[in-house]
């Protein structure tokens, strides 16, 4: 019996080992084979389809494996999308644009950048149509730039104004015995407010209300201009839910017709001058973005570097999802020392994060701008630590709906002393010195710890104010009056001197080129993200790479529970003082 058990164990172990070996070689083959990727071809008489089936980052990224000789580049960033739309305007094979994006997964600022690019495309005289079964507000905002907008006769168009919901957890903490100790500076630093209050403070309600109103005003102004409907009328329609049925959406001029997909395709065929039996040549925007990016030819020898800092600010190497000082150092140093690079645009899209890292990167930008001009372009977010880095730039550009400011700092530390008391857990410490135990989650009211932590918060807040004051040529008092953790849109920030110009990434690139006498240039994108086969294995679960661990968790737990767990994970991973956006803003 023992022999059979050992035999079965040996067979099972061999099979598992073989599976791992096979998986390894399949991964190697996939990585190596991707270097011979299929060339994307654009057929004559094609329609460029604007549809995004995945979240849209600012920068797809360049990647380099450290353990094998292999490099590759992703072309699914906003930078590639904007380049593609610009290229399509002069591409004889592209006859027009069809906007088919539903549930667009990017921020208001990036959505407006795409909208502005399509607006510029329309000057070519080519058609732009939009069609969908369902338009959420951001989808409709993008679609409204089209020559004509169409909706499924039984579809849905959502137009009701913007809202944001914040969950308050104080009562839950009191009932569970698990709470977060909070140390902060800034009356608007409301990232921690849900742990302290059972309801929203007047200060937080004020800033969220004004923030939503500013973003909504941008939506209304652009939609009003495109659809020839007054802003007052649009607000009335939102209050009355005047698009709640397709017929109402049509009557109130939100759409130009109610059609099924086959009828919309007939419209496209007429524009392309083809028969009903002929196939419409459609190419997705991300495929065309890759095609267009690879077709870009170097113009002259001069380069403008664009360095992308996207994601939360952590500590360490960094990757395409979080900002680390090591990757930023390499990118800034490389651009600084490249003689062909004449100027640098720092593209920041971040809610903030670790204060220490923000300051380290700020210093490296300061060093760089002594050698070459550094202009900052803000994306959807450049808040708190993201804004901290931005003030090192010579000039700051922001989109109207960019969320920025949040000049304030805080720290949160979990405490389970009440829960431990309920469960009969007693933690005892033995120390050599008075402050040897910095903090214990099982003890309450460590006044010494709170005192020293508060000192650290106040010290960094004063540093933050000084960085902004020096960078923006303001007094510390002037900065403090618009700080306190308060969040602003790009338009509001410009009115208060926190940014210089309202404009997108292309505006920042053109500005830095013109002001530095650079006429013929090529954009060089940074950073290069380092990865390895080992990291790939860690990121995937099961046999091979069919499903990532994130996908499996979402399937098992559901999207909402998974998102809550991710927020909890983010909170527990916050180390040290945080220069972070004061709340998670999910605009609906």
Protein backbone atom coordinates (compact mmCIF):
# COMPACT_ATOMS: atom_id res chain seq x y z
CA UNK A 1 0.00 0.00 0.00
CA UNK A 2 2.81 2.36 0.94
CA UNK A 3 4.58 1.44 -2.32
CA UNK A 4 1.48 2.34 -4.38
CA UNK A 5 1.10 5.65 -2.53
CA UNK A 6 4.71 6.57 -3.20
CA UNK A 7 4.39 5.48 -6.84
CA UNK A 8 1.29 7.62 -7.38
CA UNK A 9 2.99 10.57 -5.68
CA UNK A 10 6.03 10.16 -7.93
CA UNK A 11 3.84 9.97 -11.06
CA UNK A 12 1.86 13.03 -9.99
CA UNK A 13 5.04 14.97 -9.25
CA UNK A 14 6.47 14.03 -12.64
CA UNK A 15 3.31 15.17 -14.42
CA UNK A 16 3.33 18.51 -12.58
CA UNK A 17 7.01 19.01 -13.42
CA UNK A 18 6.36 18.19 -17.08
CA UNK A 19 3.45 20.63 -17.11
CA UNK A 20 5.67 23.40 -15.74
CA UNK A 21 8.42 22.62 -18.29
CA UNK A 22 5.92 22.61 -21.17
CA UNK A 23 4.43 25.86 -19.95
CA UNK A 24 7.90 27.42 -19.80
CA UNK A 25 8.74 26.44 -23.38
CA UNK A 26 5.35 27.59 -24.65
CA UNK A 27 5.98 30.97 -22.99
CA UNK A 28 9.44 31.20 -24.55
CA UNK A 29 7.99 30.35 -27.97
CA UNK A 30 5.22 32.94 -27.57
CA UNK A 31 7.65 35.67 -26.57
CA UNK A 32 10.12 34.84 -29.30
CA UNK A 33 7.41 34.36 -31.89
CA UNK A 34 5.87 37.73 -31.19
CA UNK A 35 8.94 39.36 -32.71
CA UNK A 36 7.69 38.01 -36.05
CA UNK A 37 4.24 39.48 -35.48
CA UNK A 38 1.77 39.77 -38.31
CA UNK A 39 2.00 43.05 -40.15
CA UNK A 40 -1.21 45.07 -39.93
CA UNK A 41 -2.53 46.03 -43.34
CA UNK A 42 -5.00 48.79 -44.15
CA UNK A 43 -7.25 48.07 -47.10
CA UNK A 44 -8.38 50.67 -49.61
CA UNK A 45 -11.72 52.35 -48.92
CA UNK A 46 -11.61 51.66 -45.16
CA UNK A 47 -13.46 53.06 -42.16
CA UNK A 48 -11.54 53.79 -38.95
CA UNK A 49 -13.61 52.44 -36.05
CA UNK A 50 -13.21 54.20 -32.70
CA UNK A 51 -13.96 51.50 -30.14
CA UNK A 52 -12.02 50.57 -27.00
CA UNK A 53 -12.38 47.12 -25.47
CA UNK A 54 -9.80 47.71 -22.74
CA UNK A 55 -8.75 50.53 -20.39
CA UNK A 56 -6.87 53.27 -22.23
CA UNK A 57 -3.61 54.37 -20.63
CA UNK A 58 -1.59 57.41 -21.62
CA UNK A 59 1.27 55.20 -22.80
CA UNK A 60 1.26 51.61 -24.04
CA UNK A 61 4.92 51.26 -23.14
CA UNK A 62 8.25 49.94 -24.32
CA UNK A 63 9.37 46.72 -22.64
CA UNK A 64 12.71 45.00 -22.28
CA UNK A 65 13.36 41.54 -20.85
CA UNK A 66 16.31 41.38 -18.51
CA UNK A 67 16.83 37.62 -18.69
CA UNK A 68 16.50 37.11 -22.46
CA UNK A 69 17.46 39.27 -25.42
CA UNK A 70 14.01 40.55 -26.33
CA UNK A 71 12.30 43.95 -26.61
CA UNK A 72 8.84 44.99 -27.72
CA UNK A 73 6.48 47.95 -27.73
CA UNK A 74 2.74 48.26 -27.11
CA UNK A 75 0.81 50.71 -29.26
CA UNK A 76 -2.40 50.92 -27.23
CA UNK A 77 -1.80 54.20 -25.42
CA UNK A 78 -3.49 57.56 -25.80
CA UNK A 79 -0.36 58.86 -27.52
CA UNK A 80 -0.74 56.23 -30.24
CA UNK A 81 -4.48 56.85 -30.59
CA UNK A 82 -3.99 60.60 -31.12
CA UNK A 83 -1.22 59.95 -33.64
CA UNK A 84 -3.47 57.49 -35.49
CA UNK A 85 -6.40 59.92 -35.80
CA UNK A 86 -4.03 62.60 -37.07
CA UNK A 87 -2.51 60.17 -39.59
CA UNK A 88 -5.98 59.03 -40.75
CA UNK A 89 -6.85 62.55 -41.88
CA UNK A 90 -4.25 62.37 -44.66
CA UNK A 91 -4.41 58.62 -45.33
CA UNK A 92 -6.16 58.08 -48.68
CA UNK A 93 -7.16 54.56 -47.59
CA UNK A 94 -9.22 55.91 -44.67
CA UNK A 95 -12.48 57.44 -45.92
CA UNK A 96 -14.03 58.30 -42.59
CA UNK A 97 -14.51 57.51 -38.90
CA UNK A 98 -17.19 55.43 -37.18
CA UNK A 99 -17.42 56.04 -33.41
CA UNK A 100 -18.61 52.81 -31.79
CA UNK A 101 -17.20 53.14 -28.29
CA UNK A 102 -19.35 51.85 -25.40
CA UNK A 103 -18.38 52.00 -21.72
CA UNK A 104 -15.17 53.88 -22.56
CA UNK A 105 -12.68 53.18 -19.79
CA UNK A 106 -10.59 56.30 -19.46
CA UNK A 107 -10.92 59.65 -17.71
CA UNK A 108 -12.75 62.78 -18.80
CA UNK A 109 -9.53 64.56 -19.81
CA UNK A 110 -8.35 61.75 -22.10
CA UNK A 111 -11.84 61.41 -23.59
CA UNK A 112 -11.74 65.09 -24.45
CA UNK A 113 -8.29 64.67 -26.06
CA UNK A 114 -9.71 61.99 -28.37
CA UNK A 115 -12.75 64.17 -29.08
CA UNK A 116 -10.53 67.13 -30.00
CA UNK A 117 -8.46 64.91 -32.31
CA UNK A 118 -11.63 63.78 -34.12
CA UNK A 119 -12.74 67.42 -34.34
CA UNK A 120 -9.45 68.23 -36.06
CA UNK A 121 -9.90 65.18 -38.33
CA UNK A 122 -13.23 66.59 -39.56
CA UNK A 123 -11.36 69.46 -41.22
CA UNK A 124 -10.16 66.90 -43.78
CA UNK A 125 -13.71 66.72 -45.17
CA UNK A 126 -14.03 63.01 -44.41
CA UNK A 127 -17.20 61.76 -42.72
CA UNK A 128 -17.56 61.06 -38.99
CA UNK A 129 -20.59 59.06 -37.79
CA UNK A 130 -21.44 57.54 -34.42
CA UNK A 131 -23.67 54.58 -33.59
CA UNK A 132 -24.39 52.61 -30.43
CA UNK A 133 -26.94 50.47 -28.66
CA UNK A 134 -26.07 52.13 -25.34
CA UNK A 135 -24.52 55.53 -24.70
CA UNK A 136 -23.33 56.29 -21.20
CA UNK A 137 -22.64 59.98 -20.61
CA UNK A 138 -18.94 59.82 -21.39
CA UNK A 139 -19.64 57.72 -24.50
CA UNK A 140 -22.16 60.29 -25.69
CA UNK A 141 -19.78 63.15 -24.95
CA UNK A 142 -17.28 61.53 -27.33
CA UNK A 143 -19.93 60.62 -29.93
CA UNK A 144 -21.44 64.10 -29.97
CA UNK A 145 -18.53 65.41 -32.09
CA UNK A 146 -19.74 63.26 -35.03
CA UNK A 147 -21.47 64.72 -38.10
CA UNK A 148 -24.45 62.52 -37.23
CA UNK A 149 -25.21 60.41 -34.15
CA UNK A 150 -27.41 57.31 -34.31
CA UNK A 151 -29.02 55.14 -31.63
CA UNK A 152 -30.58 51.69 -31.70
CA UNK A 153 -34.42 52.06 -31.75
CA UNK A 154 -34.62 50.04 -28.52
CA UNK A 155 -31.34 51.29 -27.09
CA UNK A 156 -30.50 53.68 -24.27
CA UNK A 157 -28.87 57.10 -23.99
CA UNK A 158 -27.92 58.24 -20.48
CA UNK A 159 -27.88 62.00 -19.88
CA UNK A 160 -28.59 63.01 -16.29
CA UNK A 161 -25.64 65.01 -14.96
CA UNK A 162 -22.64 63.80 -12.96
CA UNK A 163 -22.59 62.20 -9.54
CA UNK A 164 -20.08 60.74 -7.13
CA UNK A 165 -20.65 58.44 -4.16
CA UNK A 166 -18.42 58.18 -1.07
CA UNK A 167 -18.75 55.36 1.48
CA UNK A 168 -18.38 56.26 5.17
CA UNK A 169 -17.00 53.59 7.48
CA UNK A 170 -16.88 55.06 11.00
CA UNK A 171 -19.87 53.09 12.30
CA UNK A 172 -18.52 49.92 10.70
CA UNK A 173 -15.22 50.49 12.50
CA UNK A 174 -16.99 51.08 15.82
CA UNK A 175 -19.06 47.92 15.43
CA UNK A 176 -16.24 45.68 14.21
CA UNK A 177 -13.41 46.89 16.42
CA UNK A 178 -11.20 47.38 13.35
CA UNK A 179 -10.35 50.97 12.59
CA UNK A 180 -7.85 53.17 10.84
CA UNK A 181 -5.79 55.63 12.90
CA UNK A 182 -5.61 58.85 10.89
CA UNK A 183 -3.04 61.63 10.91
CA UNK A 184 -3.47 64.38 8.32
CA UNK A 185 -2.98 67.98 7.31
CA UNK A 186 -5.53 69.74 5.14
CA UNK A 187 -9.20 70.31 5.93
CA UNK A 188 -10.05 68.98 2.45
CA UNK A 189 -7.80 65.90 2.76
CA UNK A 190 -10.87 63.72 2.70
CA UNK A 191 -9.22 60.47 1.65
CA UNK A 192 -9.35 59.75 5.38
CA UNK A 193 -12.72 61.35 6.12
CA UNK A 194 -14.69 58.08 5.69
CA UNK A 195 -12.73 56.66 8.68
CA UNK A 196 -13.47 59.67 10.89
CA UNK A 197 -17.09 60.57 10.12
CA UNK A 198 -20.40 58.86 9.53
CA UNK A 199 -21.42 61.44 6.94
CA UNK A 200 -19.87 63.90 4.50
CA UNK A 201 -18.38 67.11 5.87
CA UNK A 202 -19.40 70.48 4.48
CA UNK A 203 -15.86 71.05 3.20
CA UNK A 204 -15.81 67.77 1.29
CA UNK A 205 -19.29 68.31 -0.13
CA UNK A 206 -18.23 71.76 -1.26
CA UNK A 207 -15.16 70.57 -3.16
CA UNK A 208 -16.86 67.57 -4.79
CA UNK A 209 -19.83 69.73 -5.84
CA UNK A 210 -17.59 72.37 -7.43
CA UNK A 211 -15.39 69.72 -9.04
CA UNK A 212 -18.33 67.90 -10.64
CA UNK A 213 -19.81 71.21 -11.77
CA UNK A 214 -16.55 72.17 -13.50
CA UNK A 215 -16.28 68.83 -15.35
CA UNK A 216 -19.98 68.98 -16.27
CA UNK A 217 -19.56 72.52 -17.63
CA UNK A 218 -16.85 71.27 -19.99
CA UNK A 219 -19.15 68.48 -21.20
CA UNK A 220 -22.01 70.92 -21.73
CA UNK A 221 -19.95 73.53 -23.58
CA UNK A 222 -18.57 70.96 -26.03
CA UNK A 223 -21.89 69.14 -26.56
CA UNK A 224 -23.71 72.48 -26.97
CA UNK A 225 -21.30 73.57 -29.70
CA UNK A 226 -21.52 70.24 -31.56
CA UNK A 227 -25.27 69.66 -31.28
CA UNK A 228 -26.40 73.30 -31.50
CA UNK A 229 -28.40 73.08 -28.27
CA UNK A 230 -28.03 75.71 -25.56
CA UNK A 231 -26.37 74.88 -22.26
CA UNK A 232 -29.51 75.89 -20.34
CA UNK A 233 -31.58 73.54 -22.48
CA UNK A 234 -29.08 70.70 -21.95
CA UNK A 235 -29.32 71.15 -18.18
CA UNK A 236 -33.12 71.11 -18.41
CA UNK A 237 -32.94 67.90 -20.44
CA UNK A 238 -30.65 66.35 -17.81
CA UNK A 239 -33.04 67.29 -14.98
CA UNK A 240 -36.03 65.90 -16.89
CA UNK A 241 -34.21 62.74 -18.03
CA UNK A 242 -35.19 63.82 -21.53
CA UNK A 243 -33.27 60.97 -23.20
CA UNK A 244 -34.84 58.16 -21.17
CA UNK A 245 -36.34 56.65 -24.32
CA UNK A 246 -34.86 56.54 -27.82
CA UNK A 247 -37.81 58.56 -29.15
CA UNK A 248 -37.18 61.34 -26.63
CA UNK A 249 -33.47 61.34 -27.43
CA UNK A 250 -34.36 61.84 -31.09
CA UNK A 251 -37.04 64.47 -30.44
CA UNK A 252 -34.65 66.47 -28.24
CA UNK A 253 -31.88 66.43 -30.87
CA UNK A 254 -29.41 64.24 -29.00
CA UNK A 255 -29.35 61.84 -31.95
CA UNK A 256 -30.02 62.30 -35.65
CA UNK A 257 -31.81 59.02 -36.21
CA UNK A 258 -32.90 55.70 -34.72
CA UNK A 259 -31.42 52.84 -36.72
CA UNK A 260 -30.51 49.21 -36.39
CA UNK A 261 -26.96 48.15 -37.06
CA UNK A 262 -27.72 46.92 -40.59
CA UNK A 263 -29.28 50.30 -41.41
CA UNK A 264 -26.22 52.09 -40.03
CA UNK A 265 -24.01 49.86 -42.16
CA UNK A 266 -26.07 50.87 -45.20
CA UNK A 267 -25.20 54.48 -44.43
CA UNK A 268 -21.50 53.58 -44.29
CA UNK A 269 -21.75 51.66 -47.58
CA UNK A 270 -23.30 54.68 -49.24
CA UNK A 271 -20.41 56.83 -48.05
CA UNK A 272 -17.94 54.26 -49.37
CA UNK A 273 -19.87 53.86 -52.65
CA UNK A 274 -20.15 50.07 -52.31
CA UNK A 275 -23.14 47.73 -52.72
CA UNK A 276 -25.12 46.02 -49.97
CA UNK A 277 -23.37 42.73 -50.68
CA UNK A 278 -19.86 44.12 -50.38
CA UNK A 279 -18.02 43.92 -47.07
CA UNK A 280 -17.20 47.13 -45.24
CA UNK A 281 -13.48 47.39 -44.60
CA UNK A 282 -13.23 48.40 -40.96
CA UNK A 283 -10.04 48.77 -38.94
CA UNK A 284 -10.09 49.23 -35.18
CA UNK A 285 -8.38 52.34 -33.77
CA UNK A 286 -5.84 50.31 -31.75
CA UNK A 287 -4.83 48.26 -34.80
CA UNK A 288 -4.53 51.41 -36.84
CA UNK A 289 -2.59 53.05 -33.99
CA UNK A 290 0.03 50.31 -34.25
CA UNK A 291 0.09 50.64 -38.04
CA UNK A 292 0.41 54.43 -37.91
CA UNK A 293 3.05 54.40 -35.16
CA UNK A 294 5.26 52.04 -37.14
CA UNK A 295 4.85 54.18 -40.24
CA UNK A 296 6.13 57.34 -38.57
CA UNK A 297 9.33 58.45 -40.23
CA UNK A 298 12.06 60.41 -38.50
CA UNK A 299 11.98 64.06 -39.48
CA UNK A 300 15.35 65.70 -39.02
CA UNK A 301 17.73 64.68 -36.26
CA UNK A 302 16.15 66.60 -33.37
CA UNK A 303 13.90 64.87 -30.86
CA UNK A 304 11.37 65.92 -28.25
CA UNK A 305 11.29 63.43 -25.36
CA UNK A 306 7.96 62.57 -23.75
CA UNK A 307 8.33 60.82 -20.40
CA UNK A 308 5.18 59.15 -19.07
CA UNK A 309 4.55 58.91 -15.33
CA UNK A 310 1.29 56.98 -15.01
CA UNK A 311 -0.37 55.24 -12.07
CA UNK A 312 -0.08 55.52 -8.31
CA UNK A 313 3.26 56.55 -6.87
CA UNK A 314 4.99 53.70 -5.08
CA UNK A 315 8.58 52.99 -4.22
CA UNK A 316 11.16 51.01 -6.19
CA UNK A 317 11.45 50.10 -9.83
CA UNK A 318 7.99 50.98 -11.12
CA UNK A 319 6.15 49.62 -14.15
CA UNK A 320 3.30 50.56 -16.47
CA UNK A 321 0.84 50.47 -13.56
CA UNK A 322 2.71 52.35 -10.85
CA UNK A 323 5.36 55.05 -10.72
CA UNK A 324 8.69 54.16 -9.14
CA UNK A 325 11.76 56.33 -8.84
CA UNK A 326 14.14 53.86 -10.52
CA UNK A 327 12.35 53.82 -13.88
CA UNK A 328 11.84 57.61 -13.77
CA UNK A 329 15.55 58.15 -12.99
CA UNK A 330 16.61 56.12 -16.01
CA UNK A 331 14.15 57.90 -18.31
CA UNK A 332 15.09 61.41 -17.18
CA UNK A 333 18.82 60.65 -17.29
CA UNK A 334 18.58 59.11 -20.76
CA UNK A 335 16.64 62.09 -22.15
CA UNK A 336 18.92 64.54 -20.39
CA UNK A 337 22.11 63.02 -21.79
CA UNK A 338 20.83 62.38 -25.33
CA UNK A 339 22.23 65.20 -27.46
CA UNK A 340 19.48 64.75 -30.04
CA UNK A 341 16.79 65.43 -27.43
CA UNK A 342 16.28 69.19 -27.37
CA UNK A 343 13.46 69.42 -24.81
CA UNK A 344 11.35 67.22 -22.56
CA UNK A 345 7.61 66.90 -21.91
CA UNK A 346 6.76 65.19 -18.64
CA UNK A 347 3.32 63.59 -18.99
CA UNK A 348 1.80 62.96 -15.54
CA UNK A 349 -1.33 60.91 -14.95
CA UNK A 350 -1.37 60.02 -11.26
CA UNK A 351 -3.57 60.40 -8.15
CA UNK A 352 -0.40 60.60 -6.05
CA UNK A 353 0.92 58.12 -3.53
CA UNK A 354 4.13 57.84 -1.56
CA UNK A 355 5.39 61.29 -0.54
CA UNK A 356 9.05 60.25 -0.41
CA UNK A 357 9.05 59.00 -4.01
CA UNK A 358 7.28 62.15 -5.18
CA UNK A 359 10.06 64.26 -3.70
CA UNK A 360 12.82 62.04 -5.12
CA UNK A 361 11.38 62.35 -8.64
CA UNK A 362 10.78 66.10 -8.14
CA UNK A 363 14.51 66.45 -7.43
CA UNK A 364 15.47 64.56 -10.58
CA UNK A 365 13.23 66.81 -12.69
CA UNK A 366 14.87 69.84 -11.07
CA UNK A 367 18.30 68.49 -12.07
CA UNK A 368 17.08 67.78 -15.60
CA UNK A 369 15.58 71.21 -16.25
CA UNK A 370 18.95 72.82 -15.55
CA UNK A 371 20.16 71.01 -18.67
CA UNK A 372 17.06 71.05 -20.90
CA UNK A 373 13.58 72.63 -20.81
CA UNK A 374 10.96 70.47 -19.07
CA UNK A 375 7.27 71.14 -19.78
CA UNK A 376 4.60 69.24 -17.85
CA UNK A 377 1.42 67.90 -19.45
CA UNK A 378 -1.29 66.63 -17.08
CA UNK A 379 -3.65 63.84 -18.08
CA UNK A 380 -6.79 62.71 -16.27
CA UNK A 381 -5.12 63.16 -12.89
CA UNK A 382 -2.13 64.99 -11.50
CA UNK A 383 -3.16 65.23 -7.88
CA UNK A 384 -1.20 65.49 -4.64
CA UNK A 385 2.06 63.58 -5.27
CA UNK A 386 1.37 63.85 -9.00
CA UNK A 387 1.12 67.63 -8.68
CA UNK A 388 4.18 67.66 -6.40
CA UNK A 389 6.26 66.29 -9.29
CA UNK A 390 4.61 68.65 -11.78
CA UNK A 391 5.68 71.88 -10.05
CA UNK A 392 9.30 71.12 -10.99
CA UNK A 393 8.44 71.82 -14.64
CA UNK A 394 9.12 75.11 -16.41
CA UNK A 395 5.47 75.32 -17.50
CA UNK A 396 2.35 73.24 -16.78
CA UNK A 397 -0.41 72.32 -19.26
CA UNK A 398 -3.68 70.77 -18.06
CA UNK A 399 -6.88 69.67 -19.75
CA UNK A 400 -10.09 71.48 -18.65
CA UNK A 401 -11.22 68.32 -16.81
CA UNK A 402 -7.82 67.31 -15.38
CA UNK A 403 -8.15 66.67 -11.64
CA UNK A 404 -5.22 68.32 -9.89
CA UNK A 405 -4.08 70.13 -6.77
CA UNK A 406 -4.77 68.16 -3.57
CA UNK A 407 -1.82 69.81 -1.86
CA UNK A 408 -1.92 67.98 1.45
CA UNK A 409 -0.59 64.87 3.18
CA UNK A 410 -1.87 62.14 5.46
CA UNK A 411 -1.04 58.78 7.01
CA UNK A 412 -3.36 55.90 7.93
CA UNK A 413 -2.47 53.00 10.23
CA UNK A 414 -4.77 50.04 10.95
CA UNK A 415 -5.70 49.36 14.57
CA UNK A 416 -7.48 46.29 15.94
CA UNK A 417 -7.22 46.98 19.68
CA UNK A 418 -11.00 46.89 20.23
CA UNK A 419 -11.37 43.66 18.28
CA UNK A 420 -8.46 42.12 20.18
CA UNK A 421 -10.14 43.05 23.47
CA UNK A 422 -13.40 41.38 22.34
CA UNK A 423 -11.56 38.21 21.36
CA UNK A 424 -9.42 38.09 24.49
CA UNK A 425 -6.11 38.88 22.78
CA UNK A 426 -3.52 40.70 24.86
CA UNK A 427 -0.29 41.92 23.27
CA UNK A 428 2.70 42.63 25.54
CA UNK A 429 5.86 44.45 24.44
CA UNK A 430 9.39 44.31 25.83
CA UNK A 431 11.57 47.29 24.90
CA UNK A 432 15.12 48.48 25.43
CA UNK A 433 14.16 52.13 25.00
CA UNK A 434 11.16 54.39 25.43
CA UNK A 435 10.15 54.36 21.77
CA UNK A 436 11.44 50.94 20.68
CA UNK A 437 7.92 49.85 19.81
CA UNK A 438 7.03 52.33 17.10
CA UNK A 439 3.43 51.18 16.85
CA UNK A 440 1.34 48.12 17.63
CA UNK A 441 -1.98 47.42 15.92
CA UNK A 442 -3.09 45.75 19.16
CA UNK A 443 -2.60 48.84 21.37
CA UNK A 444 -4.64 52.05 21.40
CA UNK A 445 -3.77 55.63 22.25
CA UNK A 446 -0.04 55.58 21.59
CA UNK A 447 0.29 59.32 22.08
CA UNK A 448 4.05 59.38 21.53
CA UNK A 449 3.66 57.71 18.15
CA UNK A 450 0.87 60.11 17.13
CA UNK A 451 2.93 63.09 18.24
CA UNK A 452 5.97 62.14 16.16
CA UNK A 453 3.85 61.08 13.18
CA UNK A 454 2.04 64.41 13.30
CA UNK A 455 5.39 66.19 13.28
CA UNK A 456 6.35 64.24 10.13
CA UNK A 457 3.04 65.12 8.44
CA UNK A 458 3.39 68.82 9.29
CA UNK A 459 7.01 68.88 8.17
CA UNK A 460 6.21 67.34 4.80
CA UNK A 461 3.21 69.62 4.31
CA UNK A 462 5.46 72.66 4.77
CA UNK A 463 7.92 71.13 2.29
CA UNK A 464 5.04 70.58 -0.15
CA UNK A 465 3.95 74.22 0.19
CA UNK A 466 7.49 75.44 -0.43
CA UNK A 467 7.95 73.24 -3.50
CA UNK A 468 4.74 74.64 -4.98
CA UNK A 469 5.56 78.21 -3.98
CA UNK A 470 9.01 78.02 -5.59
CA UNK A 471 7.76 76.30 -8.71
CA UNK A 472 4.73 78.53 -9.24
CA UNK A 473 6.34 81.80 -8.11
CA UNK A 474 3.83 82.27 -5.32
CA UNK A 475 4.19 82.96 -1.62
CA UNK A 476 3.73 80.09 0.82
CA UNK A 477 0.63 81.85 2.19
CA UNK A 478 -0.85 82.11 -1.31
CA UNK A 479 -0.27 78.39 -1.89
CA UNK A 480 -1.72 77.49 1.52
CA UNK A 481 -4.91 79.39 0.65
CA UNK A 482 -5.56 77.06 -2.33
CA UNK A 483 -4.04 73.97 -0.68
CA UNK A 484 -5.32 72.19 2.46
CA UNK A 485 -5.82 69.11 0.31
CA UNK A 486 -8.36 70.86 -1.95
CA UNK A 487 -8.85 69.29 -5.40
CA UNK A 488 -9.37 71.41 -8.54
CA UNK A 489 -10.11 70.85 -12.21
CA UNK A 490 -7.64 72.14 -14.79
CA UNK A 491 -9.75 75.26 -15.41
CA UNK A 492 -10.07 76.00 -11.68
CA UNK A 493 -6.35 75.38 -11.18
CA UNK A 494 -5.45 77.85 -13.94
CA UNK A 495 -7.62 80.51 -12.32
CA UNK A 496 -5.65 80.00 -9.10
CA UNK A 497 -2.20 79.98 -10.66
CA UNK A 498 -1.54 76.27 -10.19
CA UNK A 499 -1.21 75.63 -13.95
CA UNK A 500 -0.21 77.87 -16.86
CA UNK A 501 -2.16 76.72 -19.91
CA UNK A 502 -5.26 74.72 -20.80
CA UNK A 503 -4.28 72.18 -23.43
CA UNK A 504 -3.46 68.56 -24.15
CA UNK A 505 -0.31 66.57 -24.74
CA UNK A 506 0.07 67.72 -28.33
CA UNK A 507 -0.25 71.34 -27.24
CA UNK A 508 2.57 70.84 -24.74
CA UNK A 509 4.78 69.16 -27.35
CA UNK A 510 4.16 71.91 -29.91
CA UNK A 511 4.80 74.61 -27.32
CA UNK A 512 8.14 73.21 -26.17
CA UNK A 513 9.23 72.74 -29.80
CA UNK A 514 8.26 76.27 -30.88
CA UNK A 515 9.76 78.03 -27.86
CA UNK A 516 13.05 76.20 -28.31
CA UNK A 517 13.34 76.70 -32.06
CA UNK A 518 12.80 73.05 -32.93
CA UNK A 519 10.96 72.77 -36.26
CA UNK A 520 11.69 69.29 -37.65
CA UNK A 521 11.60 66.71 -34.89
CA UNK A 522 10.51 63.22 -33.89
CA UNK A 523 8.89 62.38 -30.56
CA UNK A 524 10.85 59.87 -28.49
CA UNK A 525 8.79 58.13 -25.80
CA UNK A 526 10.05 57.04 -22.39
CA UNK A 527 10.35 55.05 -20.17
CA UNK A 528 11.45 51.55 -21.10
CA UNK A 529 9.89 49.13 -18.60
CA UNK A 530 12.11 46.24 -17.57
CA UNK A 531 10.50 42.87 -17.06
CA UNK A 532 11.46 39.18 -17.04
CA UNK A 533 10.07 35.72 -17.63
CA UNK A 534 9.98 35.22 -13.89
CA UNK A 535 7.66 38.23 -13.50
CA UNK A 536 5.43 36.89 -16.27
CA UNK A 537 5.07 33.58 -14.44
CA UNK A 538 4.21 35.38 -11.22
CA UNK A 539 1.46 37.37 -12.95
CA UNK A 540 -0.36 34.39 -14.42
CA UNK A 541 -2.27 31.60 -12.84
CA UNK A 542 -3.18 28.09 -13.97
CA UNK A 543 -1.77 26.33 -17.01
CA UNK A 544 -0.18 28.85 -19.28
CA UNK A 545 -1.31 32.41 -19.65
CA UNK A 546 -4.90 32.01 -20.67
CA UNK A 547 -6.26 33.83 -17.61
CA UNK A 548 -4.49 36.17 -15.22
CA UNK A 549 -5.03 35.90 -11.48
CA UNK A 550 -7.00 39.17 -11.62
CA UNK A 551 -9.39 37.72 -14.20
CA UNK A 552 -9.88 34.56 -12.15
CA UNK A 553 -10.59 36.54 -8.97
CA UNK A 554 -13.11 38.75 -10.78
CA UNK A 555 -14.88 35.68 -12.13
CA UNK A 556 -15.05 34.02 -8.70
CA UNK A 557 -15.83 37.06 -6.54
CA UNK A 558 -17.60 39.38 -8.94
CA UNK A 559 -16.35 42.76 -10.11
CA UNK A 560 -17.68 44.82 -7.17
CA UNK A 561 -16.24 42.55 -4.44
CA UNK A 562 -12.95 42.36 -6.33
CA UNK A 563 -12.75 46.17 -6.51
CA UNK A 564 -13.41 46.47 -2.76
CA UNK A 565 -10.62 43.96 -2.05
CA UNK A 566 -8.27 45.92 -4.31
CA UNK A 567 -9.05 49.12 -2.38
CA UNK A 568 -8.35 47.32 0.90
CA UNK A 569 -5.07 46.01 -0.53
CA UNK A 570 -4.10 49.52 -1.63
CA UNK A 571 -4.77 50.85 1.86
CA UNK A 572 -2.70 48.16 3.57
CA UNK A 573 0.18 48.75 1.14
CA UNK A 574 0.41 52.46 1.91
CA UNK A 575 3.72 52.94 3.66
CA UNK A 576 4.78 56.18 5.31
CA UNK A 577 3.43 59.63 4.59
CA UNK A 578 1.04 59.80 1.65
CA UNK A 579 0.65 62.68 -0.81
CA UNK A 580 -2.44 61.23 -2.41
CA UNK A 581 -5.70 62.47 -3.93
CA UNK A 582 -8.20 63.04 -1.08
CA UNK A 583 -10.85 60.60 -2.30
CA UNK A 584 -11.43 58.09 -5.05
CA UNK A 585 -13.53 60.00 -7.55
CA UNK A 586 -15.73 57.71 -9.62
CA UNK A 587 -17.74 60.12 -11.77
CA UNK A 588 -20.97 58.61 -13.02
